[in-house]
Amino acid sequence: MEFTAEALLLSVLITWGIGLAPPIVIRYLLWRKPLSKTASITLCVLFWVTNLGIFLALGSTSKSHGVLYLIAFVSHGIYTSGGEGKA
């Protein structure tokens, strides 16, 4: 398999797009307010396991699963953002 800049960019967009679409939809379209830390962590773990299953089913290598941890941390930030400074 040949690695090109276009293939790498497409891979990054698909991986981050699939990983961050559910948190963005849940946080900004469905729930519309910050989630508690417990709810956020629960959803992050649930989606991490789901994403891992999807990527394993697609035949990805274990080297690429580290990005799923980054996606989980960013997802937690999305779920809990916007609550500070509001009285």
PDB file of N, CA and C in Angstrom:
ATOM      1  N   MET A   1       0.846  -1.178   0.000  1.00  0.00           N
ATOM      2  CA  MET A   1       0.000   0.000   0.000  1.00  0.00           C
ATOM      3  C   MET A   1       0.889   1.238   0.000  1.00  0.00           C
ATOM      4  N   GLU A   2       0.575   2.137  -0.856  1.00  0.00           N
ATOM      5  CA  GLU A   2       1.366   3.354  -0.980  1.00  0.00           C
ATOM      6  C   GLU A   2       0.732   4.473  -0.148  1.00  0.00           C
ATOM      7  N   PHE A   3       1.567   5.144   0.625  1.00  0.00           N
ATOM      8  CA  PHE A   3       1.086   6.237   1.459  1.00  0.00           C
ATOM      9  C   PHE A   3       1.370   7.558   0.768  1.00  0.00           C
ATOM     10  N   THR A   4       0.325   8.294   0.477  1.00  0.00           N
ATOM     11  CA  THR A   4       0.464   9.611  -0.129  1.00  0.00           C
ATOM     12  C   THR A   4      -0.112  10.645   0.834  1.00  0.00           C
ATOM     13  N   ALA A   5       0.165  11.887   0.559  1.00  0.00           N
ATOM     14  CA  ALA A   5      -0.364  12.962   1.404  1.00  0.00           C
ATOM     15  C   ALA A   5      -1.889  12.981   1.355  1.00  0.00           C
ATOM     16  N   GLU A   6      -2.445  12.714   0.181  1.00  0.00           N
ATOM     17  CA  GLU A   6      -3.902  12.707   0.037  1.00  0.00           C
ATOM     18  C   GLU A   6      -4.528  11.574   0.851  1.00  0.00           C
ATOM     19  N   ALA A   7      -3.905  10.399   0.808  1.00  0.00           N
ATOM     20  CA  ALA A   7      -4.429   9.260   1.562  1.00  0.00           C
ATOM     21  C   ALA A   7      -4.338   9.518   3.062  1.00  0.00           C
ATOM     22  N   LEU A   8      -3.248  10.121   3.491  1.00  0.00           N
ATOM     23  CA  LEU A   8      -3.082  10.437   4.907  1.00  0.00           C
ATOM     24  C   LEU A   8      -4.120  11.457   5.365  1.00  0.00           C
ATOM     25  N   LEU A   9      -4.327  12.499   4.578  1.00  0.00           N
ATOM     26  CA  LEU A   9      -5.318  13.522   4.914  1.00  0.00           C
ATOM     27  C   LEU A   9      -6.718  12.925   4.970  1.00  0.00           C
ATOM     28  N   LEU A  10      -7.050  12.096   4.009  1.00  0.00           N
ATOM     29  CA  LEU A  10      -8.361  11.455   3.992  1.00  0.00           C
ATOM     30  C   LEU A  10      -8.539  10.551   5.212  1.00  0.00           C
ATOM     31  N   SER A  11      -7.510   9.818   5.570  1.00  0.00           N
ATOM     32  CA  SER A  11      -7.563   8.943   6.741  1.00  0.00           C
ATOM     33  C   SER A  11      -7.785   9.746   8.020  1.00  0.00           C
ATOM     34  N   VAL A  12      -7.079  10.851   8.163  1.00  0.00           N
ATOM     35  CA  VAL A  12      -7.236  11.704   9.349  1.00  0.00           C
ATOM     36  C   VAL A  12      -8.649  12.276   9.409  1.00  0.00           C
ATOM     37  N   LEU A  13      -9.157  12.769   8.294  1.00  0.00           N
ATOM     38  CA  LEU A  13     -10.503  13.347   8.266  1.00  0.00           C
ATOM     39  C   LEU A  13     -11.569  12.310   8.600  1.00  0.00           C
ATOM     40  N   ILE A  14     -11.430  11.113   8.057  1.00  0.00           N
ATOM     41  CA  ILE A  14     -12.412  10.067   8.332  1.00  0.00           C
ATOM     42  C   ILE A  14     -12.343   9.634   9.793  1.00  0.00           C
ATOM     43  N   THR A  15     -11.135   9.408  10.297  1.00  0.00           N
ATOM     44  CA  THR A  15     -10.975   8.956  11.682  1.00  0.00           C
ATOM     45  C   THR A  15     -11.531   9.977  12.666  1.00  0.00           C
ATOM     46  N   TRP A  16     -11.135  11.236  12.525  1.00  0.00           N
ATOM     47  CA  TRP A  16     -11.604  12.271  13.448  1.00  0.00           C
ATOM     48  C   TRP A  16     -13.073  12.599  13.205  1.00  0.00           C
ATOM     49  N   GLY A  17     -13.519  12.527  11.960  1.00  0.00           N
ATOM     50  CA  GLY A  17     -14.929  12.781  11.659  1.00  0.00           C
ATOM     51  C   GLY A  17     -15.845  11.755  12.290  1.00  0.00           C
ATOM     52  N   ILE A  18     -15.486  10.471  12.140  1.00  0.00           N
ATOM     53  CA  ILE A  18     -16.277   9.402  12.744  1.00  0.00           C
ATOM     54  C   ILE A  18     -16.209   9.487  14.265  1.00  0.00           C
ATOM     55  N   GLY A  19     -15.045   9.811  14.786  1.00  0.00           N
ATOM     56  CA  GLY A  19     -14.865   9.847  16.235  1.00  0.00           C
ATOM     57  C   GLY A  19     -15.552  11.010  16.920  1.00  0.00           C
ATOM     58  N   LEU A  20     -15.594  12.173  16.263  1.00  0.00           N
ATOM     59  CA  LEU A  20     -16.132  13.366  16.920  1.00  0.00           C
ATOM     60  C   LEU A  20     -17.559  13.722  16.517  1.00  0.00           C
ATOM     61  N   ALA A  21     -18.100  13.077  15.507  1.00  0.00           N
ATOM     62  CA  ALA A  21     -19.474  13.382  15.096  1.00  0.00           C
ATOM     63  C   ALA A  21     -20.491  13.092  16.209  1.00  0.00           C
ATOM     64  N   PRO A  22     -20.461  11.920  16.843  1.00  0.00           N
ATOM     65  CA  PRO A  22     -21.451  11.677  17.904  1.00  0.00           C
ATOM     66  C   PRO A  22     -21.370  12.663  19.073  1.00  0.00           C
ATOM     67  N   PRO A  23     -20.176  12.984  19.602  1.00  0.00           N
ATOM     68  CA  PRO A  23     -20.140  13.965  20.695  1.00  0.00           C
ATOM     69  C   PRO A  23     -20.662  15.346  20.289  1.00  0.00           C
ATOM     70  N   ILE A  24     -20.351  15.768  19.088  1.00  0.00           N
ATOM     71  CA  ILE A  24     -20.817  17.081  18.631  1.00  0.00           C
ATOM     72  C   ILE A  24     -22.336  17.090  18.498  1.00  0.00           C
ATOM     73  N   VAL A  25     -22.897  16.030  17.929  1.00  0.00           N
ATOM     74  CA  VAL A  25     -24.354  15.951  17.775  1.00  0.00           C
ATOM     75  C   VAL A  25     -25.037  15.893  19.139  1.00  0.00           C
ATOM     76  N   ILE A  26     -24.520  15.056  20.030  1.00  0.00           N
ATOM     77  CA  ILE A  26     -25.130  14.930  21.358  1.00  0.00           C
ATOM     78  C   ILE A  26     -25.037  16.244  22.126  1.00  0.00           C
ATOM     79  N   ARG A  27     -23.867  16.863  22.133  1.00  0.00           N
ATOM     80  CA  ARG A  27     -23.647  18.060  22.957  1.00  0.00           C
ATOM     81  C   ARG A  27     -24.357  19.295  22.418  1.00  0.00           C
ATOM     82  N   TYR A  28     -24.272  19.527  21.104  1.00  0.00           N
ATOM     83  CA  TYR A  28     -24.757  20.798  20.565  1.00  0.00           C
ATOM     84  C   TYR A  28     -26.126  20.720  19.900  1.00  0.00           C
ATOM     85  N   LEU A  29     -26.572  19.539  19.493  1.00  0.00           N
ATOM     86  CA  LEU A  29     -27.872  19.437  18.836  1.00  0.00           C
ATOM     87  C   LEU A  29     -28.936  18.781  19.715  1.00  0.00           C
ATOM     88  N   LEU A  30     -28.559  17.792  20.497  1.00  0.00           N
ATOM     89  CA  LEU A  30     -29.544  17.081  21.299  1.00  0.00           C
ATOM     90  C   LEU A  30     -29.637  17.598  22.732  1.00  0.00           C
ATOM     91  N   TRP A  31     -28.530  17.700  23.427  1.00  0.00           N
ATOM     92  CA  TRP A  31     -28.541  18.051  24.847  1.00  0.00           C
ATOM     93  C   TRP A  31     -28.477  19.557  25.076  1.00  0.00           C
ATOM     94  N   ARG A  32     -27.672  20.267  24.315  1.00  0.00           N
ATOM     95  CA  ARG A  32     -27.546  21.731  24.305  1.00  0.00           C
ATOM     96  C   ARG A  32     -27.041  22.370  25.592  1.00  0.00           C
ATOM     97  N   LYS A  33     -26.498  21.596  26.496  1.00  0.00           N
ATOM     98  CA  LYS A  33     -25.855  22.144  27.685  1.00  0.00           C
ATOM     99  C   LYS A  33     -24.760  21.173  28.111  1.00  0.00           C
ATOM    100  N   PRO A  34     -23.796  21.641  28.893  1.00  0.00           N
ATOM    101  CA  PRO A  34     -22.696  20.760  29.296  1.00  0.00           C
ATOM    102  C   PRO A  34     -23.191  19.553  30.091  1.00  0.00           C
ATOM    103  N   LEU A  35     -22.552  18.430  29.873  1.00  0.00           N
ATOM    104  CA  LEU A  35     -22.870  17.219  30.614  1.00  0.00           C
ATOM    105  C   LEU A  35     -22.030  17.158  31.884  1.00  0.00           C
ATOM    106  N   SER A  36     -22.478  16.382  32.840  1.00  0.00           N
ATOM    107  CA  SER A  36     -21.684  16.165  34.053  1.00  0.00           C
ATOM    108  C   SER A  36     -20.456  15.334  33.697  1.00  0.00           C
ATOM    109  N   LYS A  37     -19.464  15.352  34.589  1.00  0.00           N
ATOM    110  CA  LYS A  37     -18.251  14.573  34.333  1.00  0.00           C
ATOM    111  C   LYS A  37     -18.560  13.085  34.243  1.00  0.00           C
ATOM    112  N   THR A  38     -19.452  12.607  35.089  1.00  0.00           N
ATOM    113  CA  THR A  38     -19.801  11.183  35.075  1.00  0.00           C
ATOM    114  C   THR A  38     -20.455  10.792  33.754  1.00  0.00           C
ATOM    115  N   ALA A  39     -21.416  11.584  33.302  1.00  0.00           N
ATOM    116  CA  ALA A  39     -22.076  11.297  32.030  1.00  0.00           C
ATOM    117  C   ALA A  39     -21.089  11.398  30.874  1.00  0.00           C
ATOM    118  N   SER A  40     -20.217  12.388  30.933  1.00  0.00           N
ATOM    119  CA  SER A  40     -19.224  12.574  29.881  1.00  0.00           C
ATOM    120  C   SER A  40     -18.272  11.387  29.795  1.00  0.00           C
ATOM    121  N   ILE A  41     -17.759  10.955  30.935  1.00  0.00           N
ATOM    122  CA  ILE A  41     -16.827   9.824  30.946  1.00  0.00           C
ATOM    123  C   ILE A  41     -17.528   8.550  30.487  1.00  0.00           C
ATOM    124  N   THR A  42     -18.765   8.352  30.918  1.00  0.00           N
ATOM    125  CA  THR A  42     -19.524   7.176  30.490  1.00  0.00           C
ATOM    126  C   THR A  42     -19.694   7.153  28.978  1.00  0.00           C
ATOM    127  N   LEU A  43     -20.084   8.275  28.400  1.00  0.00           N
ATOM    128  CA  LEU A  43     -20.255   8.344  26.947  1.00  0.00           C
ATOM    129  C   LEU A  43     -18.929   8.182  26.220  1.00  0.00           C
ATOM    130  N   CYS A  44     -17.867   8.763  26.752  1.00  0.00           N
ATOM    131  CA  CYS A  44     -16.550   8.630  26.115  1.00  0.00           C
ATOM    132  C   CYS A  44     -16.101   7.174  26.078  1.00  0.00           C
ATOM    133  N   VAL A  45     -16.288   6.463  27.178  1.00  0.00           N
ATOM    134  CA  VAL A  45     -15.910   5.042  27.218  1.00  0.00           C
ATOM    135  C   VAL A  45     -16.778   4.237  26.259  1.00  0.00           C
ATOM    136  N   LEU A  46     -18.071   4.507  26.260  1.00  0.00           N
ATOM    137  CA  LEU A  46     -18.983   3.804  25.358  1.00  0.00           C
ATOM    138  C   LEU A  46     -18.591   4.014  23.898  1.00  0.00           C
ATOM    139  N   PHE A  47     -18.335   5.260  23.517  1.00  0.00           N
ATOM    140  CA  PHE A  47     -17.961   5.539  22.131  1.00  0.00           C
ATOM    141  C   PHE A  47     -16.553   5.055  21.807  1.00  0.00           C
ATOM    142  N   TRP A  48     -15.644   5.027  22.802  1.00  0.00           N
ATOM    143  CA  TRP A  48     -14.305   4.499  22.553  1.00  0.00           C
ATOM    144  C   TRP A  48     -14.390   3.017  22.199  1.00  0.00           C
ATOM    145  N   VAL A  49     -15.171   2.260  22.969  1.00  0.00           N
ATOM    146  CA  VAL A  49     -15.341   0.830  22.695  1.00  0.00           C
ATOM    147  C   VAL A  49     -16.005   0.629  21.334  1.00  0.00           C
ATOM    148  N   THR A  50     -17.019   1.432  21.029  1.00  0.00           N
ATOM    149  CA  THR A  50     -17.697   1.335  19.737  1.00  0.00           C
ATOM    150  C   THR A  50     -16.745   1.655  18.596  1.00  0.00           C
ATOM    151  N   ASN A  51     -15.988   2.737  18.722  1.00  0.00           N
ATOM    152  CA  ASN A  51     -15.030   3.108  17.674  1.00  0.00           C
ATOM    153  C   ASN A  51     -13.957   2.047  17.505  1.00  0.00           C
ATOM    154  N   LEU A  52     -13.480   1.494  18.604  1.00  0.00           N
ATOM    155  CA  LEU A  52     -12.480   0.433  18.528  1.00  0.00           C
ATOM    156  C   LEU A  52     -13.040  -0.766  17.767  1.00  0.00           C
ATOM    157  N   GLY A  53     -14.269  -1.141  18.065  1.00  0.00           N
ATOM    158  CA  GLY A  53     -14.914  -2.242  17.342  1.00  0.00           C
ATOM    159  C   GLY A  53     -15.049  -1.961  15.861  1.00  0.00           C
ATOM    160  N   ILE A  54     -15.423  -0.724  15.525  1.00  0.00           N
ATOM    161  CA  ILE A  54     -15.562  -0.345  14.115  1.00  0.00           C
ATOM    162  C   ILE A  54     -14.224  -0.434  13.407  1.00  0.00           C
ATOM    163  N   PHE A  55     -13.188   0.136  14.007  1.00  0.00           N
ATOM    164  CA  PHE A  55     -11.884   0.141  13.350  1.00  0.00           C
ATOM    165  C   PHE A  55     -11.289  -1.257  13.264  1.00  0.00           C
ATOM    166  N   LEU A  56     -11.526  -2.106  14.255  1.00  0.00           N
ATOM    167  CA  LEU A  56     -11.057  -3.491  14.175  1.00  0.00           C
ATOM    168  C   LEU A  56     -11.802  -4.249  13.076  1.00  0.00           C
ATOM    169  N   ALA A  57     -13.106  -3.999  12.959  1.00  0.00           N
ATOM    170  CA  ALA A  57     -13.889  -4.649  11.907  1.00  0.00           C
ATOM    171  C   ALA A  57     -13.429  -4.209  10.516  1.00  0.00           C
ATOM    172  N   LEU A  58     -12.948  -2.967  10.422  1.00  0.00           N
ATOM    173  CA  LEU A  58     -12.450  -2.465   9.140  1.00  0.00           C
ATOM    174  C   LEU A  58     -11.033  -2.940   8.848  1.00  0.00           C
ATOM    175  N   GLY A  59     -10.419  -3.623   9.807  1.00  0.00           N
ATOM    176  CA  GLY A  59      -9.095  -4.189   9.587  1.00  0.00           C
ATOM    177  C   GLY A  59      -7.946  -3.251   9.877  1.00  0.00           C
ATOM    178  N   SER A  60      -8.132  -2.295  10.763  1.00  0.00           N
ATOM    179  CA  SER A  60      -7.033  -1.379  11.075  1.00  0.00           C
ATOM    180  C   SER A  60      -6.011  -2.080  11.956  1.00  0.00           C
ATOM    181  N   THR A  61      -4.803  -1.540  11.958  1.00  0.00           N
ATOM    182  CA  THR A  61      -3.735  -2.124  12.767  1.00  0.00           C
ATOM    183  C   THR A  61      -3.758  -1.525  14.165  1.00  0.00           C
ATOM    184  N   SER A  62      -3.157  -2.214  15.108  1.00  0.00           N
ATOM    185  CA  SER A  62      -3.174  -1.740  16.492  1.00  0.00           C
ATOM    186  C   SER A  62      -2.371  -0.455  16.666  1.00  0.00           C
ATOM    187  N   LYS A  63      -1.491  -0.134  15.732  1.00  0.00           N
ATOM    188  CA  LYS A  63      -0.710   1.105  15.823  1.00  0.00           C
ATOM    189  C   LYS A  63      -1.600   2.339  15.721  1.00  0.00           C
ATOM    190  N   SER A  64      -2.710   2.215  15.028  1.00  0.00           N
ATOM    191  CA  SER A  64      -3.561   3.379  14.794  1.00  0.00           C
ATOM    192  C   SER A  64      -4.615   3.580  15.879  1.00  0.00           C
ATOM    193  N   HIS A  65      -4.657   2.723  16.883  1.00  0.00           N
ATOM    194  CA  HIS A  65      -5.690   2.854  17.903  1.00  0.00           C
ATOM    195  C   HIS A  65      -5.368   3.911  18.948  1.00  0.00           C
ATOM    196  N   GLY A  66      -4.149   4.405  18.981  1.00  0.00           N
ATOM    197  CA  GLY A  66      -3.790   5.452  19.926  1.00  0.00           C
ATOM    198  C   GLY A  66      -4.585   6.723  19.713  1.00  0.00           C
ATOM    199  N   VAL A  67      -4.948   6.990  18.476  1.00  0.00           N
ATOM    200  CA  VAL A  67      -5.715   8.196  18.179  1.00  0.00           C
ATOM    201  C   VAL A  67      -7.098   8.129  18.816  1.00  0.00           C
ATOM    202  N   LEU A  68      -7.602   6.939  19.071  1.00  0.00           N
ATOM    203  CA  LEU A  68      -8.909   6.821  19.712  1.00  0.00           C
ATOM    204  C   LEU A  68      -8.888   7.370  21.136  1.00  0.00           C
ATOM    205  N   TYR A  69      -7.741   7.273  21.810  1.00  0.00           N
ATOM    206  CA  TYR A  69      -7.605   7.894  23.135  1.00  0.00           C
ATOM    207  C   TYR A  69      -7.671   9.415  23.019  1.00  0.00           C
ATOM    208  N   LEU A  70      -7.013   9.965  22.011  1.00  0.00           N
ATOM    209  CA  LEU A  70      -7.072  11.417  21.793  1.00  0.00           C
ATOM    210  C   LEU A  70      -8.496  11.860  21.488  1.00  0.00           C
ATOM    211  N   ILE A  71      -9.186  11.086  20.674  1.00  0.00           N
ATOM    212  CA  ILE A  71     -10.575  11.408  20.346  1.00  0.00           C
ATOM    213  C   ILE A  71     -11.433  11.371  21.611  1.00  0.00           C
ATOM    214  N   ALA A  72     -11.186  10.419  22.499  1.00  0.00           N
ATOM    215  CA  ALA A  72     -11.946  10.337  23.754  1.00  0.00           C
ATOM    216  C   ALA A  72     -11.701  11.570  24.624  1.00  0.00           C
ATOM    217  N   PHE A  73     -10.446  12.027  24.709  1.00  0.00           N
ATOM    218  CA  PHE A  73     -10.146  13.227  25.504  1.00  0.00           C
ATOM    219  C   PHE A  73     -10.793  14.474  24.898  1.00  0.00           C
ATOM    220  N   VAL A  74     -10.744  14.603  23.588  1.00  0.00           N
ATOM    221  CA  VAL A  74     -11.388  15.745  22.927  1.00  0.00           C
ATOM    222  C   VAL A  74     -12.899  15.659  23.110  1.00  0.00           C
ATOM    223  N   SER A  75     -13.450  14.460  23.019  1.00  0.00           N
ATOM    224  CA  SER A  75     -14.888  14.271  23.227  1.00  0.00           C
ATOM    225  C   SER A  75     -15.301  14.706  24.629  1.00  0.00           C
ATOM    226  N   HIS A  76     -14.497  14.354  25.622  1.00  0.00           N
ATOM    227  CA  HIS A  76     -14.787  14.775  27.002  1.00  0.00           C
ATOM    228  C   HIS A  76     -14.812  16.304  27.089  1.00  0.00           C
ATOM    229  N   GLY A  77     -13.881  16.950  26.417  1.00  0.00           N
ATOM    230  CA  GLY A  77     -13.870  18.409  26.392  1.00  0.00           C
ATOM    231  C   GLY A  77     -15.104  18.986  25.725  1.00  0.00           C
ATOM    232  N   ILE A  78     -15.556  18.348  24.661  1.00  0.00           N
ATOM    233  CA  ILE A  78     -16.768  18.803  23.967  1.00  0.00           C
ATOM    234  C   ILE A  78     -17.983  18.645  24.875  1.00  0.00           C
ATOM    235  N   TYR A  79     -18.090  17.491  25.513  1.00  0.00           N
ATOM    236  CA  TYR A  79     -19.247  17.230  26.378  1.00  0.00           C
ATOM    237  C   TYR A  79     -19.334  18.187  27.561  1.00  0.00           C
ATOM    238  N   THR A  80     -18.201  18.576  28.117  1.00  0.00           N
ATOM    239  CA  THR A  80     -18.218  19.382  29.340  1.00  0.00           C
ATOM    240  C   THR A  80     -17.972  20.865  29.098  1.00  0.00           C
ATOM    241  N   SER A  81     -17.754  21.286  27.880  1.00  0.00           N
ATOM    242  CA  SER A  81     -17.426  22.689  27.604  1.00  0.00           C
ATOM    243  C   SER A  81     -18.645  23.591  27.732  1.00  0.00           C
ATOM    244  N   GLY A  82     -18.372  24.846  28.033  1.00  0.00           N
ATOM    245  CA  GLY A  82     -19.418  25.850  28.047  1.00  0.00           C
ATOM    246  C   GLY A  82     -20.097  26.064  29.377  1.00  0.00           C
ATOM    247  N   GLY A  83     -19.722  25.340  30.403  1.00  0.00           N
ATOM    248  CA  GLY A  83     -20.379  25.488  31.689  1.00  0.00           C
ATOM    249  C   GLY A  83     -19.720  26.498  32.600  1.00  0.00           C
ATOM    250  N   GLU A  84     -18.477  26.892  32.298  1.00  0.00           N
ATOM    251  CA  GLU A  84     -17.749  27.797  33.162  1.00  0.00           C
ATOM    252  C   GLU A  84     -18.216  29.237  32.956  1.00  0.00           C
ATOM    253  N   GLY A  85     -18.214  29.978  34.015  1.00  0.00           N
ATOM    254  CA  GLY A  85     -18.492  31.405  33.918  1.00  0.00           C
ATOM    255  C   GLY A  85     -19.959  31.771  33.854  1.00  0.00           C
ATOM    256  N   LYS A  86     -20.843  30.814  33.876  1.00  0.00           N
ATOM    257  CA  LYS A  86     -22.273  31.108  33.838  1.00  0.00           C
ATOM    258  C   LYS A  86     -22.827  31.012  35.256  1.00  0.00           C
ATOM    259  N   ALA A  87     -23.484  32.064  35.684  1.00  0.00           N
ATOM    260  CA  ALA A  87     -24.003  32.077  37.054  1.00  0.00           C
ATOM    261  C   ALA A  87     -25.483  31.798  37.085  1.00  0.00           C
TER     262      ALA A  87
END
